[in-house]
Amino acid sequence: MADFSRLPGPNADLWDWQLLAACRGVDSSLFFHPEGERGAARSARENSAKEVCMRCPVRAQCAAHALTVREPYGVWGGLTEDEREELMGRARNRLVSASASSGGASPNN
C-alpha cells in the first residue's frame, strides 16, 4: 500500500480567499473583455466590474494574486489589465533605479 503521509498537504489554504469573493456567481464576462471590445463599452464594463470589486471582502488578496502571477487578462481586485501593467512597470522602474543608484551591484558580483 502507498504511504501517503509523505505527500505535501493540500494547497487549498492558498485559494480559500476565493470562496469569499464578491464575484462568485457573477458572469465572468463582466471581468473579461470580449475580443475587440474598446472605448466606451470597455470602460463601462470595467467600471461595472470594479463596483463588484469595491464591495469585496477579499479585494486585496485578489489584487495581490493577480500581480504576483502577472495575470494578463481581466479585472482582478479592482485593477484592470492596464492598471496592473502600469503598477508592474513602476515596480520594475524602481528596481532598475535602485540598482543603478547602488552601482548596479548584484548579489552575484
PDB file of N, CA and C in Angstrom:
ATOM      1  N   MET A   1       0.839  -1.173   0.000  1.00  0.00           N
ATOM      2  CA  MET A   1       0.000   0.000   0.000  1.00  0.00           C
ATOM      3  C   MET A   1       0.894   1.249   0.000  1.00  0.00           C
ATOM      4  N   ALA A   2       0.471   2.270  -0.697  1.00  0.00           N
ATOM      5  CA  ALA A   2       1.242   3.511  -0.806  1.00  0.00           C
ATOM      6  C   ALA A   2       1.237   4.267   0.518  1.00  0.00           C
ATOM      7  N   ASP A   3       2.362   4.932   0.798  1.00  0.00           N
ATOM      8  CA  ASP A   3       2.487   5.736   2.013  1.00  0.00           C
ATOM      9  C   ASP A   3       2.197   7.193   1.659  1.00  0.00           C
ATOM     10  N   PHE A   4       0.979   7.635   1.941  1.00  0.00           N
ATOM     11  CA  PHE A   4       0.565   8.993   1.595  1.00  0.00           C
ATOM     12  C   PHE A   4       0.992  10.018   2.637  1.00  0.00           C
ATOM     13  N   SER A   5       1.521   9.574   3.748  1.00  0.00           N
ATOM     14  CA  SER A   5       1.901  10.504   4.814  1.00  0.00           C
ATOM     15  C   SER A   5       3.054  11.413   4.393  1.00  0.00           C
ATOM     16  N   ARG A   6       3.792  11.016   3.389  1.00  0.00           N
ATOM     17  CA  ARG A   6       4.935  11.819   2.939  1.00  0.00           C
ATOM     18  C   ARG A   6       4.564  12.840   1.871  1.00  0.00           C
ATOM     19  N   LEU A   7       3.343  12.800   1.381  1.00  0.00           N
ATOM     20  CA  LEU A   7       2.916  13.756   0.361  1.00  0.00           C
ATOM     21  C   LEU A   7       2.648  15.109   1.005  1.00  0.00           C
ATOM     22  N   PRO A   8       2.891  16.187   0.264  1.00  0.00           N
ATOM     23  CA  PRO A   8       2.592  17.509   0.820  1.00  0.00           C
ATOM     24  C   PRO A   8       1.090  17.665   1.025  1.00  0.00           C
ATOM     25  N   GLY A   9       0.734  18.534   1.954  1.00  0.00           N
ATOM     26  CA  GLY A   9      -0.675  18.809   2.221  1.00  0.00           C
ATOM     27  C   GLY A   9      -1.310  19.564   1.066  1.00  0.00           C
ATOM     28  N   PRO A  10      -2.623  19.677   1.081  1.00  0.00           N
ATOM     29  CA  PRO A  10      -3.310  20.398   0.007  1.00  0.00           C
ATOM     30  C   PRO A  10      -2.986  21.883   0.060  1.00  0.00           C
ATOM     31  N   ASN A  11      -3.055  22.524  -1.074  1.00  0.00           N
ATOM     32  CA  ASN A  11      -2.792  23.958  -1.167  1.00  0.00           C
ATOM     33  C   ASN A  11      -4.070  24.775  -1.097  1.00  0.00           C
ATOM     34  N   ALA A  12      -5.138  24.181  -0.616  1.00  0.00           N
ATOM     35  CA  ALA A  12      -6.423  24.875  -0.576  1.00  0.00           C
ATOM     36  C   ALA A  12      -6.333  26.184   0.194  1.00  0.00           C
ATOM     37  N   ASP A  13      -5.506  26.218   1.235  1.00  0.00           N
ATOM     38  CA  ASP A  13      -5.403  27.442   2.025  1.00  0.00           C
ATOM     39  C   ASP A  13      -4.881  28.617   1.203  1.00  0.00           C
ATOM     40  N   LEU A  14      -4.179  28.345   0.123  1.00  0.00           N
ATOM     41  CA  LEU A  14      -3.704  29.414  -0.757  1.00  0.00           C
ATOM     42  C   LEU A  14      -4.830  30.024  -1.576  1.00  0.00           C
ATOM     43  N   TRP A  15      -5.929  29.306  -1.710  1.00  0.00           N
ATOM     44  CA  TRP A  15      -7.027  29.733  -2.570  1.00  0.00           C
ATOM     45  C   TRP A  15      -8.321  29.986  -1.815  1.00  0.00           C
ATOM     46  N   ASP A  16      -8.336  29.746  -0.515  1.00  0.00           N
ATOM     47  CA  ASP A  16      -9.576  29.885   0.257  1.00  0.00           C
ATOM     48  C   ASP A  16     -10.195  31.271   0.153  1.00  0.00           C
ATOM     49  N   TRP A  17      -9.391  32.296  -0.057  1.00  0.00           N
ATOM     50  CA  TRP A  17      -9.928  33.645  -0.171  1.00  0.00           C
ATOM     51  C   TRP A  17     -10.952  33.742  -1.291  1.00  0.00           C
ATOM     52  N   GLN A  18     -10.799  32.924  -2.329  1.00  0.00           N
ATOM     53  CA  GLN A  18     -11.729  32.973  -3.459  1.00  0.00           C
ATOM     54  C   GLN A  18     -13.141  32.585  -3.053  1.00  0.00           C
ATOM     55  N   LEU A  19     -13.270  31.787  -2.010  1.00  0.00           N
ATOM     56  CA  LEU A  19     -14.597  31.376  -1.549  1.00  0.00           C
ATOM     57  C   LEU A  19     -15.401  32.552  -1.006  1.00  0.00           C
ATOM     58  N   LEU A  20     -14.715  33.611  -0.592  1.00  0.00           N
ATOM     59  CA  LEU A  20     -15.370  34.786  -0.028  1.00  0.00           C
ATOM     60  C   LEU A  20     -15.552  35.912  -1.037  1.00  0.00           C
ATOM     61  N   ALA A  21     -15.095  35.711  -2.253  1.00  0.00           N
ATOM     62  CA  ALA A  21     -15.098  36.764  -3.269  1.00  0.00           C
ATOM     63  C   ALA A  21     -16.510  37.197  -3.656  1.00  0.00           C
ATOM     64  N   ALA A  22     -16.691  38.498  -3.790  1.00  0.00           N
ATOM     65  CA  ALA A  22     -17.986  39.054  -4.190  1.00  0.00           C
ATOM     66  C   ALA A  22     -18.356  38.660  -5.614  1.00  0.00           C
ATOM     67  N   CYS A  23     -17.381  38.276  -6.411  1.00  0.00           N
ATOM     68  CA  CYS A  23     -17.640  37.934  -7.810  1.00  0.00           C
ATOM     69  C   CYS A  23     -18.104  36.493  -7.999  1.00  0.00           C
ATOM     70  N   ARG A  24     -18.077  35.699  -6.936  1.00  0.00           N
ATOM     71  CA  ARG A  24     -18.549  34.308  -7.056  1.00  0.00           C
ATOM     72  C   ARG A  24     -19.995  34.329  -7.521  1.00  0.00           C
ATOM     73  N   GLY A  25     -20.255  33.611  -8.585  1.00  0.00           N
ATOM     74  CA  GLY A  25     -21.609  33.542  -9.113  1.00  0.00           C
ATOM     75  C   GLY A  25     -21.945  34.638 -10.111  1.00  0.00           C
ATOM     76  N   VAL A  26     -21.048  35.612 -10.272  1.00  0.00           N
ATOM     77  CA  VAL A  26     -21.259  36.682 -11.251  1.00  0.00           C
ATOM     78  C   VAL A  26     -20.709  36.202 -12.589  1.00  0.00           C
ATOM     79  N   ASP A  27     -21.404  36.517 -13.661  1.00  0.00           N
ATOM     80  CA  ASP A  27     -20.969  36.113 -15.001  1.00  0.00           C
ATOM     81  C   ASP A  27     -19.553  36.633 -15.263  1.00  0.00           C
ATOM     82  N   SER A  28     -18.650  35.745 -15.617  1.00  0.00           N
ATOM     83  CA  SER A  28     -17.247  36.118 -15.823  1.00  0.00           C
ATOM     84  C   SER A  28     -17.055  37.109 -16.965  1.00  0.00           C
ATOM     85  N   SER A  29     -18.026  37.219 -17.857  1.00  0.00           N
ATOM     86  CA  SER A  29     -17.886  38.175 -18.966  1.00  0.00           C
ATOM     87  C   SER A  29     -17.846  39.617 -18.457  1.00  0.00           C
ATOM     88  N   LEU A  30     -18.273  39.843 -17.218  1.00  0.00           N
ATOM     89  CA  LEU A  30     -18.168  41.177 -16.642  1.00  0.00           C
ATOM     90  C   LEU A  30     -16.706  41.534 -16.378  1.00  0.00           C
ATOM     91  N   PHE A  31     -15.885  40.551 -16.097  1.00  0.00           N
ATOM     92  CA  PHE A  31     -14.498  40.769 -15.706  1.00  0.00           C
ATOM     93  C   PHE A  31     -13.492  40.567 -16.834  1.00  0.00           C
ATOM     94  N   PHE A  32     -13.905  39.901 -17.892  1.00  0.00           N
ATOM     95  CA  PHE A  32     -13.010  39.604 -19.019  1.00  0.00           C
ATOM     96  C   PHE A  32     -13.636  40.110 -20.310  1.00  0.00           C
ATOM     97  N   HIS A  33     -12.905  40.952 -21.030  1.00  0.00           N
ATOM     98  CA  HIS A  33     -13.460  41.593 -22.226  1.00  0.00           C
ATOM     99  C   HIS A  33     -13.569  40.627 -23.402  1.00  0.00           C
ATOM    100  N   PRO A  34     -14.634  40.824 -24.178  1.00  0.00           N
ATOM    101  CA  PRO A  34     -14.735  40.042 -25.411  1.00  0.00           C
ATOM    102  C   PRO A  34     -13.735  40.579 -26.440  1.00  0.00           C
ATOM    103  N   GLU A  35     -13.396  39.751 -27.378  1.00  0.00           N
ATOM    104  CA  GLU A  35     -12.457  40.149 -28.430  1.00  0.00           C
ATOM    105  C   GLU A  35     -12.944  41.418 -29.120  1.00  0.00           C
ATOM    106  N   GLY A  36     -12.055  42.378 -29.251  1.00  0.00           N
ATOM    107  CA  GLY A  36     -12.347  43.598 -29.985  1.00  0.00           C
ATOM    108  C   GLY A  36     -13.062  44.676 -29.190  1.00  0.00           C
ATOM    109  N   GLU A  37     -13.367  44.444 -27.923  1.00  0.00           N
ATOM    110  CA  GLU A  37     -14.073  45.464 -27.130  1.00  0.00           C
ATOM    111  C   GLU A  37     -13.138  46.646 -26.886  1.00  0.00           C
ATOM    112  N   ARG A  38     -13.635  47.846 -27.137  1.00  0.00           N
ATOM    113  CA  ARG A  38     -12.822  49.047 -26.984  1.00  0.00           C
ATOM    114  C   ARG A  38     -13.684  50.208 -26.501  1.00  0.00           C
ATOM    115  N   GLY A  39     -13.024  51.288 -26.183  1.00  0.00           N
ATOM    116  CA  GLY A  39     -13.678  52.553 -25.909  1.00  0.00           C
ATOM    117  C   GLY A  39     -14.687  52.531 -24.777  1.00  0.00           C
ATOM    118  N   ALA A  40     -15.830  53.191 -25.040  1.00  0.00           N
ATOM    119  CA  ALA A  40     -16.856  53.373 -24.016  1.00  0.00           C
ATOM    120  C   ALA A  40     -17.414  52.048 -23.510  1.00  0.00           C
ATOM    121  N   ALA A  41     -17.578  51.082 -24.398  1.00  0.00           N
ATOM    122  CA  ALA A  41     -18.117  49.781 -23.979  1.00  0.00           C
ATOM    123  C   ALA A  41     -17.160  49.101 -22.996  1.00  0.00           C
ATOM    124  N   ARG A  42     -15.890  49.167 -23.287  1.00  0.00           N
ATOM    125  CA  ARG A  42     -14.903  48.542 -22.395  1.00  0.00           C
ATOM    126  C   ARG A  42     -14.847  49.272 -21.058  1.00  0.00           C
ATOM    127  N   SER A  43     -14.839  50.587 -21.101  1.00  0.00           N
ATOM    128  CA  SER A  43     -14.804  51.372 -19.864  1.00  0.00           C
ATOM    129  C   SER A  43     -16.021  51.093 -18.994  1.00  0.00           C
ATOM    130  N   ALA A  44     -17.195  51.012 -19.619  1.00  0.00           N
ATOM    131  CA  ALA A  44     -18.427  50.750 -18.866  1.00  0.00           C
ATOM    132  C   ALA A  44     -18.376  49.373 -18.209  1.00  0.00           C
ATOM    133  N   ARG A  45     -17.924  48.366 -18.942  1.00  0.00           N
ATOM    134  CA  ARG A  45     -17.832  47.018 -18.386  1.00  0.00           C
ATOM    135  C   ARG A  45     -16.819  46.976 -17.249  1.00  0.00           C
ATOM    136  N   GLU A  46     -15.652  47.590 -17.454  1.00  0.00           N
ATOM    137  CA  GLU A  46     -14.629  47.604 -16.410  1.00  0.00           C
ATOM    138  C   GLU A  46     -15.127  48.315 -15.154  1.00  0.00           C
ATOM    139  N   ASN A  47     -15.841  49.423 -15.328  1.00  0.00           N
ATOM    140  CA  ASN A  47     -16.374  50.143 -14.173  1.00  0.00           C
ATOM    141  C   ASN A  47     -17.400  49.306 -13.421  1.00  0.00           C
ATOM    142  N   SER A  48     -18.223  48.568 -14.149  1.00  0.00           N
ATOM    143  CA  SER A  48     -19.192  47.675 -13.500  1.00  0.00           C
ATOM    144  C   SER A  48     -18.475  46.570 -12.729  1.00  0.00           C
ATOM    145  N   ALA A  49     -17.424  46.033 -13.315  1.00  0.00           N
ATOM    146  CA  ALA A  49     -16.635  45.000 -12.629  1.00  0.00           C
ATOM    147  C   ALA A  49     -15.996  45.574 -11.369  1.00  0.00           C
ATOM    148  N   LYS A  50     -15.468  46.780 -11.463  1.00  0.00           N
ATOM    149  CA  LYS A  50     -14.830  47.419 -10.315  1.00  0.00           C
ATOM    150  C   LYS A  50     -15.827  47.666  -9.186  1.00  0.00           C
ATOM    151  N   GLU A  51     -17.086  47.942  -9.527  1.00  0.00           N
ATOM    152  CA  GLU A  51     -18.111  48.124  -8.497  1.00  0.00           C
ATOM    153  C   GLU A  51     -18.263  46.853  -7.667  1.00  0.00           C
ATOM    154  N   VAL A  52     -18.217  45.709  -8.323  1.00  0.00           N
ATOM    155  CA  VAL A  52     -18.275  44.432  -7.604  1.00  0.00           C
ATOM    156  C   VAL A  52     -17.044  44.311  -6.711  1.00  0.00           C
ATOM    157  N   CYS A  53     -15.887  44.634  -7.256  1.00  0.00           N
ATOM    158  CA  CYS A  53     -14.634  44.521  -6.506  1.00  0.00           C
ATOM    159  C   CYS A  53     -14.610  45.445  -5.283  1.00  0.00           C
ATOM    160  N   MET A  54     -15.163  46.636  -5.407  1.00  0.00           N
ATOM    161  CA  MET A  54     -15.092  47.608  -4.321  1.00  0.00           C
ATOM    162  C   MET A  54     -15.842  47.143  -3.077  1.00  0.00           C
ATOM    163  N   ARG A  55     -16.804  46.263  -3.227  1.00  0.00           N
ATOM    164  CA  ARG A  55     -17.540  45.760  -2.061  1.00  0.00           C
ATOM    165  C   ARG A  55     -17.074  44.359  -1.653  1.00  0.00           C
ATOM    166  N   CYS A  56     -15.960  43.931  -2.189  1.00  0.00           N
ATOM    167  CA  CYS A  56     -15.464  42.575  -1.959  1.00  0.00           C
ATOM    168  C   CYS A  56     -14.574  42.518  -0.716  1.00  0.00           C
ATOM    169  N   PRO A  57     -14.826  41.559   0.177  1.00  0.00           N
ATOM    170  CA  PRO A  57     -14.007  41.452   1.385  1.00  0.00           C
ATOM    171  C   PRO A  57     -12.592  40.921   1.142  1.00  0.00           C
ATOM    172  N   VAL A  58     -12.339  40.371  -0.028  1.00  0.00           N
ATOM    173  CA  VAL A  58     -11.005  39.819  -0.318  1.00  0.00           C
ATOM    174  C   VAL A  58     -10.346  40.531  -1.499  1.00  0.00           C
ATOM    175  N   ARG A  59     -10.715  41.768  -1.674  1.00  0.00           N
ATOM    176  CA  ARG A  59     -10.180  42.548  -2.796  1.00  0.00           C
ATOM    177  C   ARG A  59      -8.651  42.609  -2.768  1.00  0.00           C
ATOM    178  N   ALA A  60      -8.083  42.851  -1.608  1.00  0.00           N
ATOM    179  CA  ALA A  60      -6.622  42.968  -1.504  1.00  0.00           C
ATOM    180  C   ALA A  60      -5.931  41.663  -1.885  1.00  0.00           C
ATOM    181  N   GLN A  61      -6.459  40.543  -1.417  1.00  0.00           N
ATOM    182  CA  GLN A  61      -5.867  39.248  -1.753  1.00  0.00           C
ATOM    183  C   GLN A  61      -5.965  38.975  -3.245  1.00  0.00           C
ATOM    184  N   CYS A  62      -7.083  39.346  -3.832  1.00  0.00           N
ATOM    185  CA  CYS A  62      -7.307  39.137  -5.263  1.00  0.00           C
ATOM    186  C   CYS A  62      -6.314  39.960  -6.087  1.00  0.00           C
ATOM    187  N   ALA A  63      -6.179  41.238  -5.732  1.00  0.00           N
ATOM    188  CA  ALA A  63      -5.239  42.106  -6.448  1.00  0.00           C
ATOM    189  C   ALA A  63      -3.809  41.599  -6.285  1.00  0.00           C
ATOM    190  N   ALA A  64      -3.459  41.191  -5.069  1.00  0.00           N
ATOM    191  CA  ALA A  64      -2.108  40.676  -4.820  1.00  0.00           C
ATOM    192  C   ALA A  64      -1.846  39.421  -5.644  1.00  0.00           C
ATOM    193  N   HIS A  65      -2.829  38.552  -5.715  1.00  0.00           N
ATOM    194  CA  HIS A  65      -2.684  37.333  -6.520  1.00  0.00           C
ATOM    195  C   HIS A  65      -2.429  37.690  -7.984  1.00  0.00           C
ATOM    196  N   ALA A  66      -3.252  38.587  -8.527  1.00  0.00           N
ATOM    197  CA  ALA A  66      -3.122  38.955  -9.940  1.00  0.00           C
ATOM    198  C   ALA A  66      -1.758  39.570 -10.230  1.00  0.00           C
ATOM    199  N   LEU A  67      -1.257  40.381  -9.309  1.00  0.00           N
ATOM    200  CA  LEU A  67       0.058  40.991  -9.504  1.00  0.00           C
ATOM    201  C   LEU A  67       1.174  39.957  -9.355  1.00  0.00           C
ATOM    202  N   THR A  68       1.028  39.059  -8.413  1.00  0.00           N
ATOM    203  CA  THR A  68       2.054  38.042  -8.170  1.00  0.00           C
ATOM    204  C   THR A  68       2.218  37.102  -9.354  1.00  0.00           C
ATOM    205  N   VAL A  69       1.092  36.666  -9.907  1.00  0.00           N
ATOM    206  CA  VAL A  69       1.167  35.714 -11.026  1.00  0.00           C
ATOM    207  C   VAL A  69       1.189  36.424 -12.377  1.00  0.00           C
ATOM    208  N   ARG A  70       1.181  37.753 -12.333  1.00  0.00           N
ATOM    209  CA  ARG A  70       1.187  38.574 -13.554  1.00  0.00           C
ATOM    210  C   ARG A  70       0.031  38.199 -14.476  1.00  0.00           C
ATOM    211  N   GLU A  71      -1.160  38.162 -13.868  1.00  0.00           N
ATOM    212  CA  GLU A  71      -2.380  37.817 -14.598  1.00  0.00           C
ATOM    213  C   GLU A  71      -2.552  38.809 -15.753  1.00  0.00           C
ATOM    214  N   PRO A  72      -2.549  38.329 -17.005  1.00  0.00           N
ATOM    215  CA  PRO A  72      -2.604  39.245 -18.144  1.00  0.00           C
ATOM    216  C   PRO A  72      -4.012  39.705 -18.523  1.00  0.00           C
ATOM    217  N   TYR A  73      -5.044  39.030 -18.047  1.00  0.00           N
ATOM    218  CA  TYR A  73      -6.395  39.321 -18.529  1.00  0.00           C
ATOM    219  C   TYR A  73      -7.361  39.586 -17.391  1.00  0.00           C
ATOM    220  N   GLY A  74      -8.314  40.461 -17.663  1.00  0.00           N
ATOM    221  CA  GLY A  74      -9.438  40.650 -16.760  1.00  0.00           C
ATOM    222  C   GLY A  74      -9.232  41.692 -15.679  1.00  0.00           C
ATOM    223  N   VAL A  75     -10.320  41.925 -14.943  1.00  0.00           N
ATOM    224  CA  VAL A  75     -10.309  42.807 -13.779  1.00  0.00           C
ATOM    225  C   VAL A  75     -10.151  41.910 -12.557  1.00  0.00           C
ATOM    226  N   TRP A  76      -9.132  42.171 -11.774  1.00  0.00           N
ATOM    227  CA  TRP A  76      -8.826  41.391 -10.568  1.00  0.00           C
ATOM    228  C   TRP A  76      -8.590  42.368  -9.426  1.00  0.00           C
ATOM    229  N   GLY A  77      -9.308  42.212  -8.339  1.00  0.00           N
ATOM    230  CA  GLY A  77      -9.100  43.078  -7.182  1.00  0.00           C
ATOM    231  C   GLY A  77      -9.310  44.545  -7.488  1.00  0.00           C
ATOM    232  N   GLY A  78     -10.174  44.835  -8.438  1.00  0.00           N
ATOM    233  CA  GLY A  78     -10.454  46.212  -8.810  1.00  0.00           C
ATOM    234  C   GLY A  78      -9.436  46.830  -9.750  1.00  0.00           C
ATOM    235  N   LEU A  79      -8.513  46.031 -10.242  1.00  0.00           N
ATOM    236  CA  LEU A  79      -7.479  46.530 -11.161  1.00  0.00           C
ATOM    237  C   LEU A  79      -7.682  45.948 -12.551  1.00  0.00           C
ATOM    238  N   THR A  80      -7.665  46.823 -13.542  1.00  0.00           N
ATOM    239  CA  THR A  80      -7.783  46.372 -14.924  1.00  0.00           C
ATOM    240  C   THR A  80      -6.429  45.866 -15.417  1.00  0.00           C
ATOM    241  N   GLU A  81      -6.448  45.292 -16.596  1.00  0.00           N
ATOM    242  CA  GLU A  81      -5.205  44.817 -17.222  1.00  0.00           C
ATOM    243  C   GLU A  81      -4.193  45.954 -17.328  1.00  0.00           C
ATOM    244  N   ASP A  82      -4.656  47.105 -17.809  1.00  0.00           N
ATOM    245  CA  ASP A  82      -3.761  48.251 -17.998  1.00  0.00           C
ATOM    246  C   ASP A  82      -3.231  48.773 -16.665  1.00  0.00           C
ATOM    247  N   GLU A  83      -4.093  48.810 -15.647  1.00  0.00           N
ATOM    248  CA  GLU A  83      -3.660  49.296 -14.335  1.00  0.00           C
ATOM    249  C   GLU A  83      -2.616  48.371 -13.715  1.00  0.00           C
ATOM    250  N   ARG A  84      -2.812  47.065 -13.867  1.00  0.00           N
ATOM    251  CA  ARG A  84      -1.818  46.129 -13.341  1.00  0.00           C
ATOM    252  C   ARG A  84      -0.501  46.271 -14.089  1.00  0.00           C
ATOM    253  N   GLU A  85      -0.584  46.421 -15.392  1.00  0.00           N
ATOM    254  CA  GLU A  85       0.638  46.587 -16.192  1.00  0.00           C
ATOM    255  C   GLU A  85       1.384  47.852 -15.765  1.00  0.00           C
ATOM    256  N   GLU A  86       0.643  48.928 -15.503  1.00  0.00           N
ATOM    257  CA  GLU A  86       1.264  50.174 -15.060  1.00  0.00           C
ATOM    258  C   GLU A  86       1.943  49.985 -13.696  1.00  0.00           C
ATOM    259  N   LEU A  87       1.267  49.310 -12.777  1.00  0.00           N
ATOM    260  CA  LEU A  87       1.860  49.051 -11.464  1.00  0.00           C
ATOM    261  C   LEU A  87       3.121  48.202 -11.584  1.00  0.00           C
ATOM    262  N   MET A  88       3.073  47.184 -12.417  1.00  0.00           N
ATOM    263  CA  MET A  88       4.243  46.324 -12.602  1.00  0.00           C
ATOM    264  C   MET A  88       5.387  47.100 -13.250  1.00  0.00           C
ATOM    265  N   GLY A  89       5.056  47.986 -14.173  1.00  0.00           N
ATOM    266  CA  GLY A  89       6.075  48.815 -14.809  1.00  0.00           C
ATOM    267  C   GLY A  89       6.740  49.742 -13.813  1.00  0.00           C
ATOM    268  N   ARG A  90       5.941  50.324 -12.917  1.00  0.00           N
ATOM    269  CA  ARG A  90       6.507  51.197 -11.885  1.00  0.00           C
ATOM    270  C   ARG A  90       7.428  50.413 -10.962  1.00  0.00           C
ATOM    271  N   ALA A  91       6.996  49.215 -10.603  1.00  0.00           N
ATOM    272  CA  ALA A  91       7.826  48.381  -9.729  1.00  0.00           C
ATOM    273  C   ALA A  91       9.148  48.048 -10.417  1.00  0.00           C
ATOM    274  N   ARG A  92       9.087  47.719 -11.709  1.00  0.00           N
ATOM    275  CA  ARG A  92      10.313  47.431 -12.467  1.00  0.00           C
ATOM    276  C   ARG A  92      11.219  48.652 -12.497  1.00  0.00           C
ATOM    277  N   ASN A  93      10.621  49.831 -12.730  1.00  0.00           N
ATOM    278  CA  ASN A  93      11.416  51.058 -12.798  1.00  0.00           C
ATOM    279  C   ASN A  93      12.102  51.350 -11.469  1.00  0.00           C
ATOM    280  N   ARG A  94      11.399  51.107 -10.345  1.00  0.00           N
ATOM    281  CA  ARG A  94      12.008  51.325  -9.031  1.00  0.00           C
ATOM    282  C   ARG A  94      13.188  50.380  -8.822  1.00  0.00           C
ATOM    283  N   LEU A  95      13.037  49.136  -9.258  1.00  0.00           N
ATOM    284  CA  LEU A  95      14.131  48.173  -9.112  1.00  0.00           C
ATOM    285  C   LEU A  95      15.339  48.585  -9.942  1.00  0.00           C
ATOM    286  N   VAL A  96      15.087  49.032 -11.165  1.00  0.00           N
ATOM    287  CA  VAL A  96      16.176  49.470 -12.039  1.00  0.00           C
ATOM    288  C   VAL A  96      16.851  50.696 -11.445  1.00  0.00           C
ATOM    289  N   SER A  97      16.065  51.657 -10.942  1.00  0.00           N
ATOM    290  CA  SER A  97      16.628  52.865 -10.337  1.00  0.00           C
ATOM    291  C   SER A  97      17.453  52.525  -9.105  1.00  0.00           C
ATOM    292  N   ALA A  98      16.945  51.627  -8.279  1.00  0.00           N
ATOM    293  CA  ALA A  98      17.674  51.228  -7.072  1.00  0.00           C
ATOM    294  C   ALA A  98      18.979  50.538  -7.439  1.00  0.00           C
ATOM    295  N   SER A  99      18.939  49.716  -8.447  1.00  0.00           N
ATOM    296  CA  SER A  99      20.142  49.015  -8.886  1.00  0.00           C
ATOM    297  C   SER A  99      21.169  50.005  -9.431  1.00  0.00           C
ATOM    298  N   ALA A 100      20.696  50.965 -10.214  1.00  0.00           N
ATOM    299  CA  ALA A 100      21.599  51.954 -10.799  1.00  0.00           C
ATOM    300  C   ALA A 100      22.215  52.839  -9.719  1.00  0.00           C
ATOM    301  N   SER A 101      21.420  53.230  -8.714  1.00  0.00           N
ATOM    302  CA  SER A 101      21.944  54.107  -7.671  1.00  0.00           C
ATOM    303  C   SER A 101      22.906  53.384  -6.736  1.00  0.00           C
ATOM    304  N   SER A 102      22.821  52.051  -6.700  1.00  0.00           N
ATOM    305  CA  SER A 102      23.757  51.288  -5.864  1.00  0.00           C
ATOM    306  C   SER A 102      24.960  50.811  -6.675  1.00  0.00           C
ATOM    307  N   GLY A 103      25.105  51.345  -7.857  1.00  0.00           N
ATOM    308  CA  GLY A 103      26.240  50.975  -8.689  1.00  0.00           C
ATOM    309  C   GLY A 103      26.010  49.735  -9.520  1.00  0.00           C
ATOM    310  N   GLY A 104      24.765  49.295  -9.552  1.00  0.00           N
ATOM    311  CA  GLY A 104      24.438  48.141 -10.375  1.00  0.00           C
ATOM    312  C   GLY A 104      24.938  46.830  -9.819  1.00  0.00           C
ATOM    313  N   ALA A 105      25.371  46.853  -8.566  1.00  0.00           N
ATOM    314  CA  ALA A 105      25.877  45.614  -7.972  1.00  0.00           C
ATOM    315  C   ALA A 105      24.747  44.632  -7.757  1.00  0.00           C
ATOM    316  N   SER A 106      25.043  43.408  -8.023  1.00  0.00           N
ATOM    317  CA  SER A 106      24.069  42.352  -7.770  1.00  0.00           C
ATOM    318  C   SER A 106      24.664  41.392  -6.757  1.00  0.00           C
ATOM    319  N   PRO A 107      23.832  40.579  -6.112  1.00  0.00           N
ATOM    320  CA  PRO A 107      24.354  39.642  -5.115  1.00  0.00           C
ATOM    321  C   PRO A 107      25.391  38.683  -5.680  1.00  0.00           C
ATOM    322  N   ASN A 108      25.410  38.490  -6.986  1.00  0.00           N
ATOM    323  CA  ASN A 108      26.344  37.544  -7.598  1.00  0.00           C
ATOM    324  C   ASN A 108      27.665  38.186  -7.991  1.00  0.00           C
ATOM    325  N   ASN A 109      27.773  39.507  -7.860  1.00  0.00           N
ATOM    326  CA  ASN A 109      29.006  40.191  -8.276  1.00  0.00           C
ATOM    327  C   ASN A 109      30.019  40.187  -7.172  1.00  0.00           C
TER     328      ASN A 109
END
